[in-house]
Amino acid sequence: MVDPIGSKPGPVVDRRAASVAAAEPTAPAKTVSNPPVETSAAQVAQSMAAQPPVDTDRVARIRKAVQEGRFPISPATIADRLIALKFDWNSHDAS
C-alpha cells in the first residue's frame, strides 16, 4: 500500500536545542612557506598569451561560408546573444 502525501500522525518530538560542551583549545596552525612553483596552469596561460586570441583559420572559413550563403545568419539569435552578453557583463561590474 502507498502512504498518502501530507502530514502523518505520530509521536510529538521534543525540538528544544541541546546544550553543547565548550570546545577544547587547539594549537595554532603552522605557517608553511613554499617557493612559487611553475604550475601547468601557469604554463598554459603563458603559452596562450604568446598566441593571438583569434583562430584566423576558423574566421576565414566562416567568412567564406557567409559570402557563399552557406552560413545561417539569424538576426534574432545574434541580438539575443548580444543582450545576454551585455547583462553578463553588467552583473560582473556590480560586484
PDB file of N, CA and C in Angstrom:
ATOM      1  N   MET A   1       0.840  -1.175   0.000  1.00  0.00           N
ATOM      2  CA  MET A   1       0.000   0.000   0.000  1.00  0.00           C
ATOM      3  C   MET A   1       0.887   1.240   0.000  1.00  0.00           C
ATOM      4  N   VAL A   2       0.433   2.273  -0.639  1.00  0.00           N
ATOM      5  CA  VAL A   2       1.196   3.511  -0.734  1.00  0.00           C
ATOM      6  C   VAL A   2       0.729   4.473   0.340  1.00  0.00           C
ATOM      7  N   ASP A   3       1.693   5.100   1.047  1.00  0.00           N
ATOM      8  CA  ASP A   3       1.344   6.086   2.064  1.00  0.00           C
ATOM      9  C   ASP A   3       0.848   7.358   1.396  1.00  0.00           C
ATOM     10  N   PRO A   4      -0.180   7.985   1.945  1.00  0.00           N
ATOM     11  CA  PRO A   4      -0.668   9.238   1.363  1.00  0.00           C
ATOM     12  C   PRO A   4       0.324  10.369   1.608  1.00  0.00           C
ATOM     13  N   ILE A   5       0.260  11.367   0.738  1.00  0.00           N
ATOM     14  CA  ILE A   5       1.118  12.542   0.892  1.00  0.00           C
ATOM     15  C   ILE A   5       0.484  13.465   1.916  1.00  0.00           C
ATOM     16  N   GLY A   6       1.297  14.066   2.755  1.00  0.00           N
ATOM     17  CA  GLY A   6       0.783  15.003   3.750  1.00  0.00           C
ATOM     18  C   GLY A   6       1.298  14.639   5.121  1.00  0.00           C
ATOM     19  N   SER A   7       0.744  15.303   6.126  1.00  0.00           N
ATOM     20  CA  SER A   7       1.214  15.040   7.481  1.00  0.00           C
ATOM     21  C   SER A   7       0.653  13.720   7.965  1.00  0.00           C
ATOM     22  N   LYS A   8       1.434  13.059   8.770  1.00  0.00           N
ATOM     23  CA  LYS A   8       1.050  11.757   9.302  1.00  0.00           C
ATOM     24  C   LYS A   8       1.019  11.851  10.818  1.00  0.00           C
ATOM     25  N   PRO A   9       0.038  11.244  11.439  1.00  0.00           N
ATOM     26  CA  PRO A   9       0.006  11.283  12.898  1.00  0.00           C
ATOM     27  C   PRO A   9       1.190  10.504  13.465  1.00  0.00           C
ATOM     28  N   GLY A  10       1.733  10.985  14.543  1.00  0.00           N
ATOM     29  CA  GLY A  10       2.858  10.306  15.161  1.00  0.00           C
ATOM     30  C   GLY A  10       3.170  10.934  16.499  1.00  0.00           C
ATOM     31  N   PRO A  11       4.189  10.427  17.174  1.00  0.00           N
ATOM     32  CA  PRO A  11       4.524  10.975  18.490  1.00  0.00           C
ATOM     33  C   PRO A  11       5.098  12.387  18.364  1.00  0.00           C
ATOM     34  N   VAL A  12       4.883  13.184  19.380  1.00  0.00           N
ATOM     35  CA  VAL A  12       5.417  14.541  19.419  1.00  0.00           C
ATOM     36  C   VAL A  12       6.895  14.444  19.776  1.00  0.00           C
ATOM     37  N   VAL A  13       7.733  15.146  18.989  1.00  0.00           N
ATOM     38  CA  VAL A  13       9.170  15.097  19.197  1.00  0.00           C
ATOM     39  C   VAL A  13       9.599  16.378  19.885  1.00  0.00           C
ATOM     40  N   ASP A  14      10.459  16.237  20.895  1.00  0.00           N
ATOM     41  CA  ASP A  14      10.988  17.404  21.592  1.00  0.00           C
ATOM     42  C   ASP A  14      12.000  18.094  20.676  1.00  0.00           C
ATOM     43  N   ARG A  15      11.767  19.363  20.327  1.00  0.00           N
ATOM     44  CA  ARG A  15      12.628  20.070  19.395  1.00  0.00           C
ATOM     45  C   ARG A  15      13.439  21.183  20.069  1.00  0.00           C
ATOM     46  N   ARG A  16      13.648  21.079  21.371  1.00  0.00           N
ATOM     47  CA  ARG A  16      14.463  22.082  22.047  1.00  0.00           C
ATOM     48  C   ARG A  16      15.927  21.883  21.713  1.00  0.00           C
ATOM     49  N   ALA A  17      16.691  22.964  21.719  1.00  0.00           N
ATOM     50  CA  ALA A  17      18.120  22.884  21.426  1.00  0.00           C
ATOM     51  C   ALA A  17      18.840  22.180  22.567  1.00  0.00           C
ATOM     52  N   ALA A  18      19.746  21.299  22.215  1.00  0.00           N
ATOM     53  CA  ALA A  18      20.517  20.573  23.213  1.00  0.00           C
ATOM     54  C   ALA A  18      21.722  21.427  23.623  1.00  0.00           C
ATOM     55  N   SER A  19      22.127  21.313  24.876  1.00  0.00           N
ATOM     56  CA  SER A  19      23.302  22.053  25.318  1.00  0.00           C
ATOM     57  C   SER A  19      24.563  21.351  24.800  1.00  0.00           C
ATOM     58  N   VAL A  20      25.578  22.157  24.519  1.00  0.00           N
ATOM     59  CA  VAL A  20      26.815  21.640  23.954  1.00  0.00           C
ATOM     60  C   VAL A  20      27.964  22.069  24.839  1.00  0.00           C
ATOM     61  N   ALA A  21      28.908  21.156  25.075  1.00  0.00           N
ATOM     62  CA  ALA A  21      30.063  21.473  25.906  1.00  0.00           C
ATOM     63  C   ALA A  21      31.024  22.373  25.135  1.00  0.00           C
ATOM     64  N   ALA A  22      31.828  23.134  25.855  1.00  0.00           N
ATOM     65  CA  ALA A  22      32.808  24.022  25.229  1.00  0.00           C
ATOM     66  C   ALA A  22      33.849  23.191  24.488  1.00  0.00           C
ATOM     67  N   ALA A  23      34.328  23.734  23.401  1.00  0.00           N
ATOM     68  CA  ALA A  23      35.324  23.031  22.588  1.00  0.00           C
ATOM     69  C   ALA A  23      36.691  23.088  23.255  1.00  0.00           C
ATOM     70  N   GLU A  24      37.482  22.053  23.013  1.00  0.00           N
ATOM     71  CA  GLU A  24      38.839  22.004  23.539  1.00  0.00           C
ATOM     72  C   GLU A  24      39.712  23.003  22.776  1.00  0.00           C
ATOM     73  N   PRO A  25      40.636  23.696  23.442  1.00  0.00           N
ATOM     74  CA  PRO A  25      41.529  24.601  22.710  1.00  0.00           C
ATOM     75  C   PRO A  25      42.475  23.801  21.810  1.00  0.00           C
ATOM     76  N   THR A  26      42.781  24.368  20.672  1.00  0.00           N
ATOM     77  CA  THR A  26      43.670  23.692  19.738  1.00  0.00           C
ATOM     78  C   THR A  26      44.922  24.516  19.525  1.00  0.00           C
ATOM     79  N   ALA A  27      45.955  23.860  19.036  1.00  0.00           N
ATOM     80  CA  ALA A  27      47.213  24.554  18.756  1.00  0.00           C
ATOM     81  C   ALA A  27      47.038  25.395  17.486  1.00  0.00           C
ATOM     82  N   PRO A  28      47.694  26.555  17.421  1.00  0.00           N
ATOM     83  CA  PRO A  28      47.576  27.369  16.218  1.00  0.00           C
ATOM     84  C   PRO A  28      48.176  26.651  15.013  1.00  0.00           C
ATOM     85  N   ALA A  29      47.639  26.950  13.852  1.00  0.00           N
ATOM     86  CA  ALA A  29      48.113  26.322  12.620  1.00  0.00           C
ATOM     87  C   ALA A  29      49.523  26.802  12.304  1.00  0.00           C
ATOM     88  N   LYS A  30      50.330  25.895  11.766  1.00  0.00           N
ATOM     89  CA  LYS A  30      51.691  26.253  11.386  1.00  0.00           C
ATOM     90  C   LYS A  30      51.677  26.928  10.026  1.00  0.00           C
ATOM     91  N   THR A  31      52.494  27.948   9.879  1.00  0.00           N
ATOM     92  CA  THR A  31      52.619  28.626   8.597  1.00  0.00           C
ATOM     93  C   THR A  31      53.693  27.940   7.785  1.00  0.00           C
ATOM     94  N   VAL A  32      53.338  27.536   6.581  1.00  0.00           N
ATOM     95  CA  VAL A  32      54.280  26.860   5.707  1.00  0.00           C
ATOM     96  C   VAL A  32      54.577  27.789   4.547  1.00  0.00           C
ATOM     97  N   SER A  33      55.836  28.014   4.292  1.00  0.00           N
ATOM     98  CA  SER A  33      56.197  28.879   3.180  1.00  0.00           C
ATOM     99  C   SER A  33      56.846  28.025   2.107  1.00  0.00           C
ATOM    100  N   ASN A  34      56.161  27.950   0.963  1.00  0.00           N
ATOM    101  CA  ASN A  34      56.672  27.178  -0.162  1.00  0.00           C
ATOM    102  C   ASN A  34      57.121  28.141  -1.251  1.00  0.00           C
ATOM    103  N   PRO A  35      58.217  27.833  -1.917  1.00  0.00           N
ATOM    104  CA  PRO A  35      58.620  28.693  -3.021  1.00  0.00           C
ATOM    105  C   PRO A  35      57.611  28.556  -4.162  1.00  0.00           C
ATOM    106  N   PRO A  36      57.414  29.615  -4.956  1.00  0.00           N
ATOM    107  CA  PRO A  36      56.462  29.512  -6.053  1.00  0.00           C
ATOM    108  C   PRO A  36      56.875  28.411  -7.030  1.00  0.00           C
ATOM    109  N   VAL A  37      55.899  27.636  -7.437  1.00  0.00           N
ATOM    110  CA  VAL A  37      56.151  26.519  -8.341  1.00  0.00           C
ATOM    111  C   VAL A  37      55.461  26.817  -9.664  1.00  0.00           C
ATOM    112  N   GLU A  38      56.162  26.571 -10.755  1.00  0.00           N
ATOM    113  CA  GLU A  38      55.577  26.769 -12.094  1.00  0.00           C
ATOM    114  C   GLU A  38      54.555  25.661 -12.307  1.00  0.00           C
ATOM    115  N   THR A  39      53.284  26.012 -12.290  1.00  0.00           N
ATOM    116  CA  THR A  39      52.229  25.012 -12.436  1.00  0.00           C
ATOM    117  C   THR A  39      51.852  24.848 -13.892  1.00  0.00           C
ATOM    118  N   SER A  40      51.139  23.804 -14.151  1.00  0.00           N
ATOM    119  CA  SER A  40      50.697  23.575 -15.524  1.00  0.00           C
ATOM    120  C   SER A  40      49.732  24.665 -15.967  1.00  0.00           C
ATOM    121  N   ALA A  41      48.920  25.192 -15.047  1.00  0.00           N
ATOM    122  CA  ALA A  41      48.000  26.270 -15.403  1.00  0.00           C
ATOM    123  C   ALA A  41      48.782  27.518 -15.811  1.00  0.00           C
ATOM    124  N   ALA A  42      49.844  27.802 -15.090  1.00  0.00           N
ATOM    125  CA  ALA A  42      50.663  28.966 -15.435  1.00  0.00           C
ATOM    126  C   ALA A  42      51.340  28.756 -16.785  1.00  0.00           C
ATOM    127  N   GLN A  43      51.768  27.529 -17.043  1.00  0.00           N
ATOM    128  CA  GLN A  43      52.394  27.234 -18.329  1.00  0.00           C
ATOM    129  C   GLN A  43      51.395  27.381 -19.467  1.00  0.00           C
ATOM    130  N   VAL A  44      50.170  26.909 -19.256  1.00  0.00           N
ATOM    131  CA  VAL A  44      49.132  27.038 -20.280  1.00  0.00           C
ATOM    132  C   VAL A  44      48.821  28.506 -20.523  1.00  0.00           C
ATOM    133  N   ALA A  45      48.692  29.281 -19.457  1.00  0.00           N
ATOM    134  CA  ALA A  45      48.409  30.709 -19.604  1.00  0.00           C
ATOM    135  C   ALA A  45      49.525  31.415 -20.359  1.00  0.00           C
ATOM    136  N   GLN A  46      50.748  31.044 -20.069  1.00  0.00           N
ATOM    137  CA  GLN A  46      51.885  31.665 -20.749  1.00  0.00           C
ATOM    138  C   GLN A  46      51.892  31.312 -22.239  1.00  0.00           C
ATOM    139  N   SER A  47      51.602  30.050 -22.560  1.00  0.00           N
ATOM    140  CA  SER A  47      51.588  29.663 -23.976  1.00  0.00           C
ATOM    141  C   SER A  47      50.420  30.309 -24.713  1.00  0.00           C
ATOM    142  N   MET A  48      49.276  30.458 -24.041  1.00  0.00           N
ATOM    143  CA  MET A  48      48.130  31.117 -24.676  1.00  0.00           C
ATOM    144  C   MET A  48      48.391  32.604 -24.879  1.00  0.00           C
ATOM    145  N   ALA A  49      49.116  33.217 -23.974  1.00  0.00           N
ATOM    146  CA  ALA A  49      49.423  34.640 -24.103  1.00  0.00           C
ATOM    147  C   ALA A  49      50.352  34.888 -25.281  1.00  0.00           C
ATOM    148  N   ALA A  50      51.137  33.895 -25.655  1.00  0.00           N
ATOM    149  CA  ALA A  50      52.071  34.047 -26.766  1.00  0.00           C
ATOM    150  C   ALA A  50      51.377  33.924 -28.122  1.00  0.00           C
ATOM    151  N   GLN A  51      50.150  33.376 -28.143  1.00  0.00           N
ATOM    152  CA  GLN A  51      49.422  33.186 -29.392  1.00  0.00           C
ATOM    153  C   GLN A  51      48.347  34.265 -29.543  1.00  0.00           C
ATOM    154  N   PRO A  52      47.942  34.559 -30.777  1.00  0.00           N
ATOM    155  CA  PRO A  52      46.847  35.517 -30.952  1.00  0.00           C
ATOM    156  C   PRO A  52      45.544  34.921 -30.420  1.00  0.00           C
ATOM    157  N   PRO A  53      44.638  35.748 -29.894  1.00  0.00           N
ATOM    158  CA  PRO A  53      43.417  35.228 -29.283  1.00  0.00           C
ATOM    159  C   PRO A  53      42.359  34.786 -30.292  1.00  0.00           C
ATOM    160  N   VAL A  54      42.624  34.946 -31.584  1.00  0.00           N
ATOM    161  CA  VAL A  54      41.642  34.621 -32.612  1.00  0.00           C
ATOM    162  C   VAL A  54      42.171  33.490 -33.491  1.00  0.00           C
ATOM    163  N   ASP A  55      41.305  32.526 -33.780  1.00  0.00           N
ATOM    164  CA  ASP A  55      41.655  31.444 -34.696  1.00  0.00           C
ATOM    165  C   ASP A  55      41.393  31.946 -36.117  1.00  0.00           C
ATOM    166  N   THR A  56      42.442  32.418 -36.778  1.00  0.00           N
ATOM    167  CA  THR A  56      42.287  33.045 -38.087  1.00  0.00           C
ATOM    168  C   THR A  56      41.784  32.065 -39.141  1.00  0.00           C
ATOM    169  N   ASP A  57      42.129  30.796 -39.028  1.00  0.00           N
ATOM    170  CA  ASP A  57      41.629  29.804 -39.981  1.00  0.00           C
ATOM    171  C   ASP A  57      40.115  29.659 -39.877  1.00  0.00           C
ATOM    172  N   ARG A  58      39.612  29.621 -38.650  1.00  0.00           N
ATOM    173  CA  ARG A  58      38.163  29.497 -38.448  1.00  0.00           C
ATOM    174  C   ARG A  58      37.444  30.743 -38.948  1.00  0.00           C
ATOM    175  N   VAL A  59      38.005  31.906 -38.675  1.00  0.00           N
ATOM    176  CA  VAL A  59      37.405  33.153 -39.150  1.00  0.00           C
ATOM    177  C   VAL A  59      37.334  33.148 -40.676  1.00  0.00           C
ATOM    178  N   ALA A  60      38.385  32.685 -41.332  1.00  0.00           N
ATOM    179  CA  ALA A  60      38.399  32.644 -42.794  1.00  0.00           C
ATOM    180  C   ALA A  60      37.341  31.673 -43.325  1.00  0.00           C
ATOM    181  N   ARG A  61      37.177  30.507 -42.666  1.00  0.00           N
ATOM    182  CA  ARG A  61      36.154  29.544 -43.098  1.00  0.00           C
ATOM    183  C   ARG A  61      34.750  30.118 -42.935  1.00  0.00           C
ATOM    184  N   ILE A  62      34.503  30.786 -41.818  1.00  0.00           N
ATOM    185  CA  ILE A  62      33.178  31.380 -41.584  1.00  0.00           C
ATOM    186  C   ILE A  62      32.922  32.511 -42.575  1.00  0.00           C
ATOM    187  N   ARG A  63      33.917  33.348 -42.805  1.00  0.00           N
ATOM    188  CA  ARG A  63      33.768  34.459 -43.748  1.00  0.00           C
ATOM    189  C   ARG A  63      33.415  33.930 -45.148  1.00  0.00           C
ATOM    190  N   LYS A  64      34.100  32.867 -45.562  1.00  0.00           N
ATOM    191  CA  LYS A  64      33.844  32.285 -46.883  1.00  0.00           C
ATOM    192  C   LYS A  64      32.432  31.693 -46.938  1.00  0.00           C
ATOM    193  N   ALA A  65      32.014  31.014 -45.873  1.00  0.00           N
ATOM    194  CA  ALA A  65      30.677  30.430 -45.833  1.00  0.00           C
ATOM    195  C   ALA A  65      29.599  31.510 -45.883  1.00  0.00           C
ATOM    196  N   VAL A  66      29.817  32.636 -45.221  1.00  0.00           N
ATOM    197  CA  VAL A  66      28.856  33.749 -45.258  1.00  0.00           C
ATOM    198  C   VAL A  66      28.766  34.309 -46.670  1.00  0.00           C
ATOM    199  N   GLN A  67      29.903  34.503 -47.309  1.00  0.00           N
ATOM    200  CA  GLN A  67      29.919  35.046 -48.671  1.00  0.00           C
ATOM    201  C   GLN A  67      29.230  34.106 -49.653  1.00  0.00           C
ATOM    202  N   GLU A  68      29.350  32.802 -49.437  1.00  0.00           N
ATOM    203  CA  GLU A  68      28.738  31.824 -50.334  1.00  0.00           C
ATOM    204  C   GLU A  68      27.300  31.503 -49.956  1.00  0.00           C
ATOM    205  N   GLY A  69      26.807  32.085 -48.848  1.00  0.00           N
ATOM    206  CA  GLY A  69      25.425  31.847 -48.426  1.00  0.00           C
ATOM    207  C   GLY A  69      25.215  30.517 -47.726  1.00  0.00           C
ATOM    208  N   ARG A  70      26.272  29.891 -47.242  1.00  0.00           N
ATOM    209  CA  ARG A  70      26.165  28.591 -46.565  1.00  0.00           C
ATOM    210  C   ARG A  70      26.133  28.729 -45.047  1.00  0.00           C
ATOM    211  N   PHE A  71      26.293  29.915 -44.543  1.00  0.00           N
ATOM    212  CA  PHE A  71      26.337  30.125 -43.094  1.00  0.00           C
ATOM    213  C   PHE A  71      25.030  30.787 -42.673  1.00  0.00           C
ATOM    214  N   PRO A  72      24.243  30.113 -41.814  1.00  0.00           N
ATOM    215  CA  PRO A  72      22.950  30.703 -41.434  1.00  0.00           C
ATOM    216  C   PRO A  72      23.147  31.907 -40.510  1.00  0.00           C
ATOM    217  N   ILE A  73      22.548  33.015 -40.883  1.00  0.00           N
ATOM    218  CA  ILE A  73      22.619  34.220 -40.058  1.00  0.00           C
ATOM    219  C   ILE A  73      21.205  34.534 -39.590  1.00  0.00           C
ATOM    220  N   SER A  74      21.014  34.522 -38.292  1.00  0.00           N
ATOM    221  CA  SER A  74      19.717  34.829 -37.698  1.00  0.00           C
ATOM    222  C   SER A  74      19.871  36.092 -36.854  1.00  0.00           C
ATOM    223  N   PRO A  75      19.359  37.223 -37.351  1.00  0.00           N
ATOM    224  CA  PRO A  75      19.499  38.469 -36.582  1.00  0.00           C
ATOM    225  C   PRO A  75      18.903  38.370 -35.175  1.00  0.00           C
ATOM    226  N   ALA A  76      17.812  37.629 -35.015  1.00  0.00           N
ATOM    227  CA  ALA A  76      17.193  37.499 -33.691  1.00  0.00           C
ATOM    228  C   ALA A  76      18.122  36.760 -32.728  1.00  0.00           C
ATOM    229  N   THR A  77      18.758  35.700 -33.203  1.00  0.00           N
ATOM    230  CA  THR A  77      19.680  34.947 -32.353  1.00  0.00           C
ATOM    231  C   THR A  77      20.890  35.793 -31.987  1.00  0.00           C
ATOM    232  N   ILE A  78      21.405  36.523 -32.953  1.00  0.00           N
ATOM    233  CA  ILE A  78      22.559  37.397 -32.694  1.00  0.00           C
ATOM    234  C   ILE A  78      22.188  38.454 -31.662  1.00  0.00           C
ATOM    235  N   ALA A  79      21.007  39.069 -31.824  1.00  0.00           N
ATOM    236  CA  ALA A  79      20.564  40.093 -30.872  1.00  0.00           C
ATOM    237  C   ALA A  79      20.383  39.511 -29.481  1.00  0.00           C
ATOM    238  N   ASP A  80      19.765  38.329 -29.390  1.00  0.00           N
ATOM    239  CA  ASP A  80      19.575  37.690 -28.082  1.00  0.00           C
ATOM    240  C   ASP A  80      20.902  37.426 -27.385  1.00  0.00           C
ATOM    241  N   ARG A  81      21.857  36.944 -28.131  1.00  0.00           N
ATOM    242  CA  ARG A  81      23.161  36.634 -27.524  1.00  0.00           C
ATOM    243  C   ARG A  81      23.918  37.902 -27.132  1.00  0.00           C
ATOM    244  N   LEU A  82      23.794  38.962 -27.925  1.00  0.00           N
ATOM    245  CA  LEU A  82      24.437  40.229 -27.556  1.00  0.00           C
ATOM    246  C   LEU A  82      23.818  40.804 -26.288  1.00  0.00           C
ATOM    247  N   ILE A  83      22.498  40.723 -26.173  1.00  0.00           N
ATOM    248  CA  ILE A  83      21.821  41.224 -24.972  1.00  0.00           C
ATOM    249  C   ILE A  83      22.233  40.396 -23.761  1.00  0.00           C
ATOM    250  N   ALA A  84      22.266  39.066 -23.923  1.00  0.00           N
ATOM    251  CA  ALA A  84      22.684  38.200 -22.819  1.00  0.00           C
ATOM    252  C   ALA A  84      24.113  38.507 -22.403  1.00  0.00           C
ATOM    253  N   LEU A  85      24.976  38.759 -23.379  1.00  0.00           N
ATOM    254  CA  LEU A  85      26.365  39.089 -23.081  1.00  0.00           C
ATOM    255  C   LEU A  85      26.452  40.415 -22.326  1.00  0.00           C
ATOM    256  N   LYS A  86      25.646  41.382 -22.733  1.00  0.00           N
ATOM    257  CA  LYS A  86      25.630  42.685 -22.057  1.00  0.00           C
ATOM    258  C   LYS A  86      25.204  42.530 -20.601  1.00  0.00           C
ATOM    259  N   PHE A  87      24.141  41.728 -20.347  1.00  0.00           N
ATOM    260  CA  PHE A  87      23.692  41.514 -18.973  1.00  0.00           C
ATOM    261  C   PHE A  87      24.745  40.777 -18.166  1.00  0.00           C
ATOM    262  N   ASP A  88      25.454  39.847 -18.781  1.00  0.00           N
ATOM    263  CA  ASP A  88      26.514  39.128 -18.079  1.00  0.00           C
ATOM    264  C   ASP A  88      27.627  40.089 -17.699  1.00  0.00           C
ATOM    265  N   TRP A  89      27.963  41.004 -18.581  1.00  0.00           N
ATOM    266  CA  TRP A  89      28.990  41.992 -18.266  1.00  0.00           C
ATOM    267  C   TRP A  89      28.549  42.891 -17.133  1.00  0.00           C
ATOM    268  N   ASN A  90      27.288  43.317 -17.126  1.00  0.00           N
ATOM    269  CA  ASN A  90      26.796  44.201 -16.082  1.00  0.00           C
ATOM    270  C   ASN A  90      26.807  43.514 -14.728  1.00  0.00           C
ATOM    271  N   SER A  91      26.517  42.214 -14.680  1.00  0.00           N
ATOM    272  CA  SER A  91      26.500  41.524 -13.402  1.00  0.00           C
ATOM    273  C   SER A  91      27.881  41.477 -12.778  1.00  0.00           C
ATOM    274  N   HIS A  92      28.928  41.465 -13.597  1.00  0.00           N
ATOM    275  CA  HIS A  92      30.292  41.449 -13.052  1.00  0.00           C
ATOM    276  C   HIS A  92      30.724  42.848 -12.617  1.00  0.00           C
ATOM    277  N   ASP A  93      30.179  43.890 -13.246  1.00  0.00           N
ATOM    278  CA  ASP A  93      30.536  45.252 -12.876  1.00  0.00           C
ATOM    279  C   ASP A  93      29.984  45.636 -11.513  1.00  0.00           C
ATOM    280  N   ALA A  94      28.841  45.075 -11.137  1.00  0.00           N
ATOM    281  CA  ALA A  94      28.182  45.455  -9.897  1.00  0.00           C
ATOM    282  C   ALA A  94      28.922  44.946  -8.666  1.00  0.00           C
ATOM    283  N   SER A  95      29.669  43.863  -8.791  1.00  0.00           N
ATOM    284  CA  SER A  95      30.324  43.315  -7.592  1.00  0.00           C
ATOM    285  C   SER A  95      31.715  43.825  -7.402  1.00  0.00           C
TER     286      SER A  95
END
